[in-house]
């Protein structure tokens, strides 16, 4: 089963947009709000090598942020990742 993890902050418009795309595809995802769980920020940075949100993972594959997620959707590679 595919596991999707989104590191986010509740006030971030890019996070909202990324989550809306996943929801529109009926994809369940685990959200880790680093605003509410600041101790998870270092975990996010270690996994992604980035310090901005959102950071999106499909299984262990780092998709990237909102722009990369939208690009993957436009290119058709997002559906391939989600079906692995």
C-alpha atoms as a PDB file:
ATOM      1  CA  UNK A   1       0.000   0.000   0.000  1.00  0.00           C
ATOM      2  CA  UNK A   2       1.256   3.465  -0.876  1.00  0.00           C
ATOM      3  CA  UNK A   3       2.102   5.730   2.041  1.00  0.00           C
ATOM      4  CA  UNK A   4       2.015   9.485   1.496  1.00  0.00           C
ATOM      5  CA  UNK A   5       3.490  11.843   4.082  1.00  0.00           C
ATOM      6  CA  UNK A   6       3.148  15.623   3.974  1.00  0.00           C
ATOM      7  CA  UNK A   7       5.200  17.840   6.267  1.00  0.00           C
ATOM      8  CA  UNK A   8       3.348  21.145   6.501  1.00  0.00           C
ATOM      9  CA  UNK A   9       2.302  24.185   8.477  1.00  0.00           C
ATOM     10  CA  UNK A  10      -1.377  25.072   8.811  1.00  0.00           C
ATOM     11  CA  UNK A  11      -0.979  28.660   7.587  1.00  0.00           C
ATOM     12  CA  UNK A  12       1.109  27.821   4.512  1.00  0.00           C
ATOM     13  CA  UNK A  13      -0.775  28.402   1.215  1.00  0.00           C
ATOM     14  CA  UNK A  14       1.548  26.018  -0.662  1.00  0.00           C
ATOM     15  CA  UNK A  15       0.768  23.303   1.896  1.00  0.00           C
ATOM     16  CA  UNK A  16      -2.955  23.895   1.469  1.00  0.00           C
ATOM     17  CA  UNK A  17      -2.650  23.655  -2.309  1.00  0.00           C
ATOM     18  CA  UNK A  18      -0.619  20.436  -2.172  1.00  0.00           C
ATOM     19  CA  UNK A  19      -3.065  18.829   0.261  1.00  0.00           C
ATOM     20  CA  UNK A  20      -6.005  19.924  -1.910  1.00  0.00           C
ATOM     21  CA  UNK A  21      -4.461  18.164  -4.908  1.00  0.00           C
ATOM     22  CA  UNK A  22      -3.996  14.949  -2.941  1.00  0.00           C
ATOM     23  CA  UNK A  23      -7.534  15.180  -1.579  1.00  0.00           C
ATOM     24  CA  UNK A  24      -8.933  15.748  -5.080  1.00  0.00           C
ATOM     25  CA  UNK A  25      -7.342  12.431  -6.053  1.00  0.00           C
ATOM     26  CA  UNK A  26      -8.825  10.748  -2.959  1.00  0.00           C
ATOM     27  CA  UNK A  27      -5.337  10.025  -1.634  1.00  0.00           C
ATOM     28  CA  UNK A  28      -5.044   9.415   2.082  1.00  0.00           C
ATOM     29  CA  UNK A  29      -1.961  11.000   3.570  1.00  0.00           C
ATOM     30  CA  UNK A  30      -0.296  11.435   6.917  1.00  0.00           C
ATOM     31  CA  UNK A  31       0.156  15.096   7.726  1.00  0.00           C
ATOM     32  CA  UNK A  32       2.895  16.193  10.067  1.00  0.00           C
ATOM     33  CA  UNK A  33       2.297  19.812  11.026  1.00  0.00           C
ATOM     34  CA  UNK A  34       5.702  21.088  12.084  1.00  0.00           C
ATOM     35  CA  UNK A  35       4.044  24.221  13.448  1.00  0.00           C
ATOM     36  CA  UNK A  36       2.213  22.105  16.006  1.00  0.00           C
ATOM     37  CA  UNK A  37       4.985  19.503  16.295  1.00  0.00           C
ATOM     38  CA  UNK A  38       8.214  21.534  16.040  1.00  0.00           C
ATOM     39  CA  UNK A  39      10.244  18.527  17.130  1.00  0.00           C
ATOM     40  CA  UNK A  40       9.431  16.944  13.722  1.00  0.00           C
ATOM     41  CA  UNK A  41      11.133  19.795  11.815  1.00  0.00           C
ATOM     42  CA  UNK A  42      14.582  18.207  12.121  1.00  0.00           C
ATOM     43  CA  UNK A  43      13.154  14.901  10.909  1.00  0.00           C
ATOM     44  CA  UNK A  44      11.740  16.670   7.838  1.00  0.00           C
ATOM     45  CA  UNK A  45      15.061  18.400   7.119  1.00  0.00           C
ATOM     46  CA  UNK A  46      17.001  15.159   7.524  1.00  0.00           C
ATOM     47  CA  UNK A  47      14.667  13.295   5.162  1.00  0.00           C
ATOM     48  CA  UNK A  48      14.314  16.002   2.513  1.00  0.00           C
ATOM     49  CA  UNK A  49      17.519  18.052   2.870  1.00  0.00           C
ATOM     50  CA  UNK A  50      15.205  21.096   2.709  1.00  0.00           C
ATOM     51  CA  UNK A  51      13.850  23.410   5.385  1.00  0.00           C
ATOM     52  CA  UNK A  52      10.714  24.715   3.663  1.00  0.00           C
ATOM     53  CA  UNK A  53       7.197  23.315   3.694  1.00  0.00           C
ATOM     54  CA  UNK A  54       5.513  21.416   2.298  1.00  0.00           C
ATOM     55  CA  UNK A  55       7.766  18.424   1.879  1.00  0.00           C
ATOM     56  CA  UNK A  56       5.984  15.459   0.342  1.00  0.00           C
ATOM     57  CA  UNK A  57       7.002  11.820   0.351  1.00  0.00           C
ATOM     58  CA  UNK A  58       5.398   8.905  -1.458  1.00  0.00           C
ATOM     59  CA  UNK A  59       6.628   5.814   0.301  1.00  0.00           C
ATOM     60  CA  UNK A  60      10.308   6.717   0.711  1.00  0.00           C
ATOM     61  CA  UNK A  61      10.475   8.753  -2.517  1.00  0.00           C
ATOM     62  CA  UNK A  62      10.903  12.471  -1.882  1.00  0.00           C
ATOM     63  CA  UNK A  63       8.606  14.248  -4.335  1.00  0.00           C
ATOM     64  CA  UNK A  64       9.593  17.704  -3.087  1.00  0.00           C
ATOM     65  CA  UNK A  65       7.363  20.671  -2.403  1.00  0.00           C
ATOM     66  CA  UNK A  66       4.128  21.955  -3.865  1.00  0.00           C
ATOM     67  CA  UNK A  67       5.636  22.973  -7.213  1.00  0.00           C
ATOM     68  CA  UNK A  68       7.200  19.551  -7.715  1.00  0.00           C
ATOM     69  CA  UNK A  69       3.954  17.811  -6.753  1.00  0.00           C
ATOM     70  CA  UNK A  70       1.965  19.893  -9.247  1.00  0.00           C
ATOM     71  CA  UNK A  71       4.570  19.282 -11.951  1.00  0.00           C
ATOM     72  CA  UNK A  72       4.499  15.533 -11.312  1.00  0.00           C
ATOM     73  CA  UNK A  73       0.721  15.608 -11.631  1.00  0.00           C
ATOM     74  CA  UNK A  74       0.876  17.574 -14.890  1.00  0.00           C
ATOM     75  CA  UNK A  75       3.471  15.137 -16.311  1.00  0.00           C
ATOM     76  CA  UNK A  76       1.486  12.068 -15.240  1.00  0.00           C
ATOM     77  CA  UNK A  77       4.269  10.767 -13.011  1.00  0.00           C
ATOM     78  CA  UNK A  78       2.334  11.438  -9.801  1.00  0.00           C
ATOM     79  CA  UNK A  79      -0.224   8.742 -10.615  1.00  0.00           C
ATOM     80  CA  UNK A  80       2.610   6.319 -11.371  1.00  0.00           C
ATOM     81  CA  UNK A  81       4.214   7.044  -7.991  1.00  0.00           C
ATOM     82  CA  UNK A  82       0.904   6.663  -6.195  1.00  0.00           C
ATOM     83  CA  UNK A  83       0.269   3.292  -7.808  1.00  0.00           C
ATOM     84  CA  UNK A  84       3.588   1.722  -6.823  1.00  0.00           C
END
